[in-house]
Amino acid sequence: LSECGENAHIMRAILAATLSANYGIYGPVYEFGLNEAH
């Protein structure tokens, strides 16, 4: 997520939502694509 930006956020959300019946996101930073790592 920190290195690959918007494409990574979309792809990982699709995987999480379709591989598992239970999934979640830490919301604002994820949907806004914030990804600056410490």
PDB file of all heavy atoms in Angstrom:
ATOM      1  N   LEU A   1       0.828  -1.204   0.000  1.00  0.00           N
ATOM      2  CA  LEU A   1       0.000   0.000   0.000  1.00  0.00           C
ATOM      3  C   LEU A   1       0.862   1.253   0.000  1.00  0.00           C
ATOM      4  O   LEU A   1       0.538   2.244  -0.672  1.00  0.00           O
ATOM      5  CB  LEU A   1      -0.937   0.005   1.207  1.00  0.00           C
ATOM      6  CG  LEU A   1      -2.004  -1.091   1.270  1.00  0.00           C
ATOM      7  CD1 LEU A   1      -2.902  -0.868   2.483  1.00  0.00           C
ATOM      8  CD2 LEU A   1      -2.836  -1.150  -0.001  1.00  0.00           C
ATOM      9  N   SER A   2       1.953   1.257   0.751  1.00  0.00           N
ATOM     10  CA  SER A   2       2.775   2.464   0.848  1.00  0.00           C
ATOM     11  C   SER A   2       3.570   2.707  -0.431  1.00  0.00           C
ATOM     12  O   SER A   2       3.896   3.857  -0.746  1.00  0.00           O
ATOM     13  CB  SER A   2       3.730   2.367   2.042  1.00  0.00           C
ATOM     14  OG  SER A   2       4.641   1.304   1.877  1.00  0.00           O
ATOM     15  N   GLU A   3       3.848   1.662  -1.190  1.00  0.00           N
ATOM     16  CA  GLU A   3       4.706   1.806  -2.362  1.00  0.00           C
ATOM     17  C   GLU A   3       3.942   1.871  -3.676  1.00  0.00           C
ATOM     18  O   GLU A   3       4.486   2.348  -4.682  1.00  0.00           O
ATOM     19  CB  GLU A   3       5.703   0.643  -2.406  1.00  0.00           C
ATOM     20  CG  GLU A   3       6.673   0.624  -1.226  1.00  0.00           C
ATOM     21  CD  GLU A   3       7.469  -0.668  -1.139  1.00  0.00           C
ATOM     22  OE1 GLU A   3       7.353  -1.487  -2.081  1.00  0.00           O
ATOM     23  OE2 GLU A   3       8.192  -0.852  -0.145  1.00  0.00           O
ATOM     24  N   CYS A   4       2.694   1.392  -3.699  1.00  0.00           N
ATOM     25  CA  CYS A   4       2.010   1.207  -4.983  1.00  0.00           C
ATOM     26  C   CYS A   4       0.734   2.015  -5.151  1.00  0.00           C
ATOM     27  O   CYS A   4       0.037   1.871  -6.163  1.00  0.00           O
ATOM     28  CB  CYS A   4       1.723  -0.278  -5.212  1.00  0.00           C
ATOM     29  SG  CYS A   4       3.207  -1.306  -5.151  1.00  0.00           S
ATOM     30  N   GLY A   5       0.352   2.818  -4.174  1.00  0.00           N
ATOM     31  CA  GLY A   5      -0.691   3.805  -4.365  1.00  0.00           C
ATOM     32  C   GLY A   5      -2.092   3.298  -4.617  1.00  0.00           C
ATOM     33  O   GLY A   5      -2.506   2.263  -4.088  1.00  0.00           O
ATOM     34  N   GLU A   6      -2.819   4.064  -5.461  1.00  0.00           N
ATOM     35  CA  GLU A   6      -4.246   3.816  -5.674  1.00  0.00           C
ATOM     36  C   GLU A   6      -4.521   2.426  -6.207  1.00  0.00           C
ATOM     37  O   GLU A   6      -5.444   1.744  -5.744  1.00  0.00           O
ATOM     38  CB  GLU A   6      -4.808   4.862  -6.629  1.00  0.00           C
ATOM     39  CG  GLU A   6      -6.295   4.700  -6.904  1.00  0.00           C
ATOM     40  CD  GLU A   6      -6.820   5.726  -7.886  1.00  0.00           C
ATOM     41  OE1 GLU A   6      -6.638   5.516  -9.106  1.00  0.00           O
ATOM     42  OE2 GLU A   6      -7.399   6.738  -7.435  1.00  0.00           O
ATOM     43  N   ASN A   7      -3.730   1.976  -7.190  1.00  0.00           N
ATOM     44  CA  ASN A   7      -3.962   0.651  -7.764  1.00  0.00           C
ATOM     45  C   ASN A   7      -3.908  -0.433  -6.689  1.00  0.00           C
ATOM     46  O   ASN A   7      -4.698  -1.377  -6.695  1.00  0.00           O
ATOM     47  CB  ASN A   7      -2.929   0.350  -8.850  1.00  0.00           C
ATOM     48  CG  ASN A   7      -3.160   1.153 -10.109  1.00  0.00           C
ATOM     49  OD1 ASN A   7      -4.121   1.919 -10.191  1.00  0.00           O
ATOM     50  ND2 ASN A   7      -2.284   0.996 -11.098  1.00  0.00           N
ATOM     51  N   ALA A   8      -2.943  -0.299  -5.770  1.00  0.00           N
ATOM     52  CA  ALA A   8      -2.803  -1.292  -4.704  1.00  0.00           C
ATOM     53  C   ALA A   8      -4.002  -1.264  -3.776  1.00  0.00           C
ATOM     54  O   ALA A   8      -4.507  -2.318  -3.362  1.00  0.00           O
ATOM     55  CB  ALA A   8      -1.520  -1.051  -3.919  1.00  0.00           C
ATOM     56  N   HIS A   9      -4.473  -0.088  -3.426  1.00  0.00           N
ATOM     57  CA  HIS A   9      -5.624   0.023  -2.528  1.00  0.00           C
ATOM     58  C   HIS A   9      -6.863  -0.630  -3.154  1.00  0.00           C
ATOM     59  O   HIS A   9      -7.628  -1.317  -2.462  1.00  0.00           O
ATOM     60  CB  HIS A   9      -5.905   1.489  -2.201  1.00  0.00           C
ATOM     61  CG  HIS A   9      -4.958   2.083  -1.209  1.00  0.00           C
ATOM     62  ND1 HIS A   9      -3.648   2.399  -1.520  1.00  0.00           N
ATOM     63  CD2 HIS A   9      -5.109   2.431   0.100  1.00  0.00           C
ATOM     64  CE1 HIS A   9      -3.044   2.906  -0.460  1.00  0.00           C
ATOM     65  NE2 HIS A   9      -3.915   2.946   0.540  1.00  0.00           N
ATOM     66  N   ILE A  10      -7.061  -0.422  -4.440  1.00  0.00           N
ATOM     67  CA  ILE A  10      -8.226  -1.011  -5.110  1.00  0.00           C
ATOM     68  C   ILE A  10      -8.083  -2.518  -5.199  1.00  0.00           C
ATOM     69  O   ILE A  10      -9.015  -3.271  -4.879  1.00  0.00           O
ATOM     70  CB  ILE A  10      -8.403  -0.383  -6.505  1.00  0.00           C
ATOM     71  CG1 ILE A  10      -8.791   1.093  -6.363  1.00  0.00           C
ATOM     72  CG2 ILE A  10      -9.443  -1.144  -7.317  1.00  0.00           C
ATOM     73  CD1 ILE A  10      -8.777   1.856  -7.670  1.00  0.00           C
ATOM     74  N   MET A  11      -6.913  -2.979  -5.626  1.00  0.00           N
ATOM     75  CA  MET A  11      -6.709  -4.421  -5.792  1.00  0.00           C
ATOM     76  C   MET A  11      -6.822  -5.167  -4.467  1.00  0.00           C
ATOM     77  O   MET A  11      -7.484  -6.206  -4.377  1.00  0.00           O
ATOM     78  CB  MET A  11      -5.346  -4.681  -6.432  1.00  0.00           C
ATOM     79  CG  MET A  11      -5.074  -6.154  -6.733  1.00  0.00           C
ATOM     80  SD  MET A  11      -4.181  -6.984  -5.389  1.00  0.00           S
ATOM     81  CE  MET A  11      -2.514  -6.371  -5.677  1.00  0.00           C
ATOM     82  N   ARG A  12      -6.234  -4.626  -3.406  1.00  0.00           N
ATOM     83  CA  ARG A  12      -6.271  -5.321  -2.118  1.00  0.00           C
ATOM     84  C   ARG A  12      -7.677  -5.318  -1.526  1.00  0.00           C
ATOM     85  O   ARG A  12      -8.089  -6.276  -0.872  1.00  0.00           O
ATOM     86  CB  ARG A  12      -5.283  -4.668  -1.146  1.00  0.00           C
ATOM     87  CG  ARG A  12      -3.828  -4.834  -1.529  1.00  0.00           C
ATOM     88  CD  ARG A  12      -3.376  -6.273  -1.560  1.00  0.00           C
ATOM     89  NE  ARG A  12      -3.307  -6.844  -0.217  1.00  0.00           N
ATOM     90  CZ  ARG A  12      -2.946  -8.100   0.038  1.00  0.00           C
ATOM     91  NH1 ARG A  12      -2.648  -8.924  -0.958  1.00  0.00           N
ATOM     92  NH2 ARG A  12      -2.911  -8.558   1.275  1.00  0.00           N
ATOM     93  N   ALA A  13      -8.430  -4.244  -1.754  1.00  0.00           N
ATOM     94  CA  ALA A  13      -9.820  -4.230  -1.286  1.00  0.00           C
ATOM     95  C   ALA A  13     -10.644  -5.281  -2.007  1.00  0.00           C
ATOM     96  O   ALA A  13     -11.467  -5.976  -1.393  1.00  0.00           O
ATOM     97  CB  ALA A  13     -10.426  -2.845  -1.490  1.00  0.00           C
ATOM     98  N   ILE A  14     -10.436  -5.433  -3.317  1.00  0.00           N
ATOM     99  CA  ILE A  14     -11.174  -6.446  -4.082  1.00  0.00           C
ATOM    100  C   ILE A  14     -10.834  -7.842  -3.576  1.00  0.00           C
ATOM    101  O   ILE A  14     -11.722  -8.689  -3.381  1.00  0.00           O
ATOM    102  CB  ILE A  14     -10.870  -6.303  -5.586  1.00  0.00           C
ATOM    103  CG1 ILE A  14     -11.477  -5.001  -6.127  1.00  0.00           C
ATOM    104  CG2 ILE A  14     -11.404  -7.501  -6.365  1.00  0.00           C
ATOM    105  CD1 ILE A  14     -11.063  -4.667  -7.549  1.00  0.00           C
ATOM    106  N   LEU A  15      -9.564  -8.106  -3.345  1.00  0.00           N
ATOM    107  CA  LEU A  15      -9.170  -9.420  -2.823  1.00  0.00           C
ATOM    108  C   LEU A  15      -9.803  -9.683  -1.459  1.00  0.00           C
ATOM    109  O   LEU A  15     -10.382 -10.750  -1.213  1.00  0.00           O
ATOM    110  CB  LEU A  15      -7.648  -9.511  -2.715  1.00  0.00           C
ATOM    111  CG  LEU A  15      -6.864  -9.689  -4.020  1.00  0.00           C
ATOM    112  CD1 LEU A  15      -5.370  -9.566  -3.750  1.00  0.00           C
ATOM    113  CD2 LEU A  15      -7.179 -11.033  -4.666  1.00  0.00           C
ATOM    114  N   ALA A  16      -9.701  -8.720  -0.551  1.00  0.00           N
ATOM    115  CA  ALA A  16     -10.249  -8.900   0.795  1.00  0.00           C
ATOM    116  C   ALA A  16     -11.750  -9.144   0.748  1.00  0.00           C
ATOM    117  O   ALA A  16     -12.273 -10.027   1.440  1.00  0.00           O
ATOM    118  CB  ALA A  16      -9.936  -7.684   1.660  1.00  0.00           C
ATOM    119  N   ALA A  17     -12.456  -8.388  -0.078  1.00  0.00           N
ATOM    120  CA  ALA A  17     -13.922  -8.452  -0.113  1.00  0.00           C
ATOM    121  C   ALA A  17     -14.454  -9.685  -0.808  1.00  0.00           C
ATOM    122  O   ALA A  17     -15.610 -10.064  -0.584  1.00  0.00           O
ATOM    123  CB  ALA A  17     -14.463  -7.194  -0.804  1.00  0.00           C
ATOM    124  N   THR A  18     -13.649 -10.323  -1.662  1.00  0.00           N
ATOM    125  CA  THR A  18     -14.136 -11.493  -2.397  1.00  0.00           C
ATOM    126  C   THR A  18     -13.541 -12.807  -1.906  1.00  0.00           C
ATOM    127  O   THR A  18     -14.156 -13.856  -2.074  1.00  0.00           O
ATOM    128  CB  THR A  18     -13.848 -11.339  -3.904  1.00  0.00           C
ATOM    129  OG1 THR A  18     -12.438 -11.176  -4.114  1.00  0.00           O
ATOM    130  CG2 THR A  18     -14.599 -10.155  -4.484  1.00  0.00           C
ATOM    131  N   LEU A  19     -12.373 -12.762  -1.288  1.00  0.00           N
ATOM    132  CA  LEU A  19     -11.795 -13.985  -0.731  1.00  0.00           C
ATOM    133  C   LEU A  19     -12.454 -14.365   0.589  1.00  0.00           C
ATOM    134  O   LEU A  19     -12.655 -15.542   0.879  1.00  0.00           O
ATOM    135  CB  LEU A  19     -10.289 -13.817  -0.529  1.00  0.00           C
ATOM    136  CG  LEU A  19      -9.414 -13.795  -1.782  1.00  0.00           C
ATOM    137  CD1 LEU A  19      -7.993 -13.376  -1.430  1.00  0.00           C
ATOM    138  CD2 LEU A  19      -9.413 -15.148  -2.483  1.00  0.00           C
ATOM    139  N   SER A  20     -12.777 -13.370   1.400  1.00  0.00           N
ATOM    140  CA  SER A  20     -13.333 -13.618   2.732  1.00  0.00           C
ATOM    141  C   SER A  20     -14.709 -12.986   2.861  1.00  0.00           C
ATOM    142  O   SER A  20     -14.938 -11.870   2.381  1.00  0.00           O
ATOM    143  CB  SER A  20     -12.403 -13.043   3.807  1.00  0.00           C
ATOM    144  OG  SER A  20     -12.966 -13.175   5.098  1.00  0.00           O
ATOM    145  N   ALA A  21     -15.608 -13.680   3.534  1.00  0.00           N
ATOM    146  CA  ALA A  21     -16.944 -13.119   3.776  1.00  0.00           C
ATOM    147  C   ALA A  21     -16.905 -12.019   4.824  1.00  0.00           C
ATOM    148  O   ALA A  21     -17.801 -11.174   4.878  1.00  0.00           O
ATOM    149  CB  ALA A  21     -17.908 -14.218   4.202  1.00  0.00           C
ATOM    150  N   ASN A  22     -15.891 -12.025   5.674  1.00  0.00           N
ATOM    151  CA  ASN A  22     -15.685 -10.958   6.654  1.00  0.00           C
ATOM    152  C   ASN A  22     -14.456 -10.156   6.248  1.00  0.00           C
ATOM    153  O   ASN A  22     -13.378 -10.731   6.045  1.00  0.00           O
ATOM    154  CB  ASN A  22     -15.464 -11.536   8.056  1.00  0.00           C
ATOM    155  CG  ASN A  22     -16.676 -12.277   8.584  1.00  0.00           C
ATOM    156  OD1 ASN A  22     -17.747 -11.710   8.712  1.00  0.00           O
ATOM    157  ND2 ASN A  22     -16.513 -13.561   8.874  1.00  0.00           N
ATOM    158  N   TYR A  23     -14.625  -8.849   6.104  1.00  0.00           N
ATOM    159  CA  TYR A  23     -13.455  -8.025   5.821  1.00  0.00           C
ATOM    160  C   TYR A  23     -13.698  -6.624   6.367  1.00  0.00           C
ATOM    161  O   TYR A  23     -14.839  -6.248   6.672  1.00  0.00           O
ATOM    162  CB  TYR A  23     -13.135  -7.995   4.322  1.00  0.00           C
ATOM    163  CG  TYR A  23     -13.682  -6.819   3.551  1.00  0.00           C
ATOM    164  CD1 TYR A  23     -12.855  -5.745   3.201  1.00  0.00           C
ATOM    165  CD2 TYR A  23     -15.017  -6.750   3.147  1.00  0.00           C
ATOM    166  CE1 TYR A  23     -13.342  -4.658   2.477  1.00  0.00           C
ATOM    167  CE2 TYR A  23     -15.508  -5.672   2.423  1.00  0.00           C
ATOM    168  CZ  TYR A  23     -14.668  -4.624   2.088  1.00  0.00           C
ATOM    169  OH  TYR A  23     -15.148  -3.553   1.389  1.00  0.00           O
ATOM    170  N   GLY A  24     -12.609  -5.854   6.493  1.00  0.00           N
ATOM    171  CA  GLY A  24     -12.746  -4.500   6.993  1.00  0.00           C
ATOM    172  C   GLY A  24     -11.594  -3.623   6.548  1.00  0.00           C
ATOM    173  O   GLY A  24     -10.555  -4.123   6.095  1.00  0.00           O
ATOM    174  N   ILE A  25     -11.784  -2.311   6.674  1.00  0.00           N
ATOM    175  CA  ILE A  25     -10.718  -1.355   6.380  1.00  0.00           C
ATOM    176  C   ILE A  25     -10.659  -0.322   7.494  1.00  0.00           C
ATOM    177  O   ILE A  25     -11.668   0.000   8.108  1.00  0.00           O
ATOM    178  CB  ILE A  25     -10.917  -0.631   5.034  1.00  0.00           C
ATOM    179  CG1 ILE A  25     -12.242   0.151   5.007  1.00  0.00           C
ATOM    180  CG2 ILE A  25     -10.825  -1.591   3.866  1.00  0.00           C
ATOM    181  CD1 ILE A  25     -12.385   1.091   3.812  1.00  0.00           C
ATOM    182  N   TYR A  26      -9.446   0.166   7.761  1.00  0.00           N
ATOM    183  CA  TYR A  26      -9.272   1.369   8.570  1.00  0.00           C
ATOM    184  C   TYR A  26      -9.535   2.509   7.596  1.00  0.00           C
ATOM    185  O   TYR A  26      -8.730   2.856   6.758  1.00  0.00           O
ATOM    186  CB  TYR A  26      -7.866   1.389   9.150  1.00  0.00           C
ATOM    187  CG  TYR A  26      -7.366   2.721   9.620  1.00  0.00           C
ATOM    188  CD1 TYR A  26      -8.191   3.621  10.294  1.00  0.00           C
ATOM    189  CD2 TYR A  26      -6.037   3.077   9.393  1.00  0.00           C
ATOM    190  CE1 TYR A  26      -7.709   4.847  10.715  1.00  0.00           C
ATOM    191  CE2 TYR A  26      -5.544   4.303   9.821  1.00  0.00           C
ATOM    192  CZ  TYR A  26      -6.389   5.187  10.471  1.00  0.00           C
ATOM    193  OH  TYR A  26      -5.900   6.401  10.889  1.00  0.00           O
ATOM    194  N   GLY A  27     -10.733   3.118   7.759  1.00  0.00           N
ATOM    195  CA  GLY A  27     -11.422   3.804   6.712  1.00  0.00           C
ATOM    196  C   GLY A  27     -10.845   5.036   6.072  1.00  0.00           C
ATOM    197  O   GLY A  27     -10.429   4.989   4.913  1.00  0.00           O
ATOM    198  N   PRO A  28     -10.818   6.173   6.742  1.00  0.00           N
ATOM    199  CA  PRO A  28     -10.493   7.410   6.016  1.00  0.00           C
ATOM    200  C   PRO A  28      -9.183   7.322   5.243  1.00  0.00           C
ATOM    201  O   PRO A  28      -9.138   7.652   4.062  1.00  0.00           O
ATOM    202  CB  PRO A  28     -10.427   8.457   7.127  1.00  0.00           C
ATOM    203  CG  PRO A  28     -11.295   7.916   8.206  1.00  0.00           C
ATOM    204  CD  PRO A  28     -11.123   6.423   8.145  1.00  0.00           C
ATOM    205  N   VAL A  29      -8.114   6.861   5.885  1.00  0.00           N
ATOM    206  CA  VAL A  29      -6.828   6.841   5.192  1.00  0.00           C
ATOM    207  C   VAL A  29      -6.855   5.896   3.999  1.00  0.00           C
ATOM    208  O   VAL A  29      -6.173   6.123   2.998  1.00  0.00           O
ATOM    209  CB  VAL A  29      -5.662   6.472   6.144  1.00  0.00           C
ATOM    210  CG1 VAL A  29      -5.561   7.467   7.271  1.00  0.00           C
ATOM    211  CG2 VAL A  29      -5.807   5.062   6.678  1.00  0.00           C
ATOM    212  N   TYR A  30      -7.661   4.823   4.101  1.00  0.00           N
ATOM    213  CA  TYR A  30      -7.695   3.855   2.996  1.00  0.00           C
ATOM    214  C   TYR A  30      -8.448   4.414   1.798  1.00  0.00           C
ATOM    215  O   TYR A  30      -7.949   4.405   0.668  1.00  0.00           O
ATOM    216  CB  TYR A  30      -8.335   2.540   3.453  1.00  0.00           C
ATOM    217  CG  TYR A  30      -7.989   1.380   2.541  1.00  0.00           C
ATOM    218  CD1 TYR A  30      -6.888   0.587   2.815  1.00  0.00           C
ATOM    219  CD2 TYR A  30      -8.739   1.094   1.404  1.00  0.00           C
ATOM    220  CE1 TYR A  30      -6.542  -0.472   1.982  1.00  0.00           C
ATOM    221  CE2 TYR A  30      -8.403   0.052   0.564  1.00  0.00           C
ATOM    222  CZ  TYR A  30      -7.303  -0.730   0.855  1.00  0.00           C
ATOM    223  OH  TYR A  30      -6.953  -1.767   0.015  1.00  0.00           O
ATOM    224  N   GLU A  31      -9.648   4.907   2.025  1.00  0.00           N
ATOM    225  CA  GLU A  31     -10.427   5.386   0.881  1.00  0.00           C
ATOM    226  C   GLU A  31      -9.850   6.667   0.299  1.00  0.00           C
ATOM    227  O   GLU A  31     -10.043   6.964  -0.885  1.00  0.00           O
ATOM    228  CB  GLU A  31     -11.888   5.575   1.261  1.00  0.00           C
ATOM    229  CG  GLU A  31     -12.147   6.568   2.368  1.00  0.00           C
ATOM    230  CD  GLU A  31     -13.631   6.750   2.641  1.00  0.00           C
ATOM    231  OE1 GLU A  31     -14.330   7.273   1.761  1.00  0.00           O
ATOM    232  OE2 GLU A  31     -14.072   6.353   3.742  1.00  0.00           O
ATOM    233  N   PHE A  32      -9.107   7.447   1.101  1.00  0.00           N
ATOM    234  CA  PHE A  32      -8.454   8.643   0.582  1.00  0.00           C
ATOM    235  C   PHE A  32      -7.061   8.341   0.021  1.00  0.00           C
ATOM    236  O   PHE A  32      -6.373   9.247  -0.459  1.00  0.00           O
ATOM    237  CB  PHE A  32      -8.364   9.712   1.668  1.00  0.00           C
ATOM    238  CG  PHE A  32      -9.710  10.188   2.160  1.00  0.00           C
ATOM    239  CD1 PHE A  32      -9.891  10.613   3.459  1.00  0.00           C
ATOM    240  CD2 PHE A  32     -10.813  10.187   1.309  1.00  0.00           C
ATOM    241  CE1 PHE A  32     -11.141  11.046   3.914  1.00  0.00           C
ATOM    242  CE2 PHE A  32     -12.057  10.616   1.748  1.00  0.00           C
ATOM    243  CZ  PHE A  32     -12.230  11.040   3.049  1.00  0.00           C
ATOM    244  N   GLY A  33      -6.632   7.084   0.110  1.00  0.00           N
ATOM    245  CA  GLY A  33      -5.368   6.659  -0.493  1.00  0.00           C
ATOM    246  C   GLY A  33      -4.132   7.204   0.182  1.00  0.00           C
ATOM    247  O   GLY A  33      -3.057   7.259  -0.431  1.00  0.00           O
ATOM    248  N   LEU A  34      -4.227   7.589   1.455  1.00  0.00           N
ATOM    249  CA  LEU A  34      -3.053   8.093   2.171  1.00  0.00           C
ATOM    250  C   LEU A  34      -2.111   6.926   2.470  1.00  0.00           C
ATOM    251  O   LEU A  34      -2.532   5.895   2.992  1.00  0.00           O
ATOM    252  CB  LEU A  34      -3.477   8.790   3.463  1.00  0.00           C
ATOM    253  CG  LEU A  34      -4.465   9.955   3.278  1.00  0.00           C
ATOM    254  CD1 LEU A  34      -4.805  10.572   4.615  1.00  0.00           C
ATOM    255  CD2 LEU A  34      -3.901  10.997   2.331  1.00  0.00           C
ATOM    256  N   ASN A  35      -0.843   7.093   2.158  1.00  0.00           N
ATOM    257  CA  ASN A  35       0.055   5.937   2.277  1.00  0.00           C
ATOM    258  C   ASN A  35       1.505   6.316   2.579  1.00  0.00           C
ATOM    259  O   ASN A  35       2.422   5.596   2.215  1.00  0.00           O
ATOM    260  CB  ASN A  35      -0.002   5.110   0.984  1.00  0.00           C
ATOM    261  CG  ASN A  35       0.510   5.862  -0.231  1.00  0.00           C
ATOM    262  OD1 ASN A  35       0.540   7.083  -0.235  1.00  0.00           O
ATOM    263  ND2 ASN A  35       0.911   5.137  -1.261  1.00  0.00           N
ATOM    264  N   GLU A  36       1.705   7.434   3.281  1.00  0.00           N
ATOM    265  CA  GLU A  36       3.066   7.815   3.649  1.00  0.00           C
ATOM    266  C   GLU A  36       3.503   7.031   4.881  1.00  0.00           C
ATOM    267  O   GLU A  36       2.909   7.155   5.959  1.00  0.00           O
ATOM    268  CB  GLU A  36       3.153   9.316   3.931  1.00  0.00           C
ATOM    269  CG  GLU A  36       4.574   9.777   4.243  1.00  0.00           C
ATOM    270  CD  GLU A  36       4.646  11.252   4.593  1.00  0.00           C
ATOM    271  OE1 GLU A  36       3.616  11.958   4.433  1.00  0.00           O
ATOM    272  OE2 GLU A  36       5.730  11.706   5.038  1.00  0.00           O
ATOM    273  N   ALA A  37       4.515   6.208   4.682  1.00  0.00           N
ATOM    274  CA  ALA A  37       4.978   5.345   5.768  1.00  0.00           C
ATOM    275  C   ALA A  37       5.947   6.085   6.679  1.00  0.00           C
ATOM    276  O   ALA A  37       6.699   6.961   6.238  1.00  0.00           O
ATOM    277  CB  ALA A  37       5.648   4.106   5.200  1.00  0.00           C
ATOM    278  N   HIS A  38       5.907   5.721   7.963  1.00  0.00           N
ATOM    279  CA  HIS A  38       6.895   6.246   8.907  1.00  0.00           C
ATOM    280  C   HIS A  38       8.242   5.641   8.538  1.00  0.00           C
ATOM    281  O   HIS A  38       8.331   4.441   8.272  1.00  0.00           O
ATOM    282  CB  HIS A  38       6.505   5.868  10.332  1.00  0.00           C
ATOM    283  CG  HIS A  38       7.155   6.712  11.372  1.00  0.00           C
ATOM    284  ND1 HIS A  38       6.837   8.033  11.582  1.00  0.00           N
ATOM    285  CD2 HIS A  38       8.139   6.424  12.272  1.00  0.00           C
ATOM    286  CE1 HIS A  38       7.571   8.521  12.571  1.00  0.00           C
ATOM    287  NE2 HIS A  38       8.373   7.567  12.989  1.00  0.00           N
TER     288      HIS A  38
END
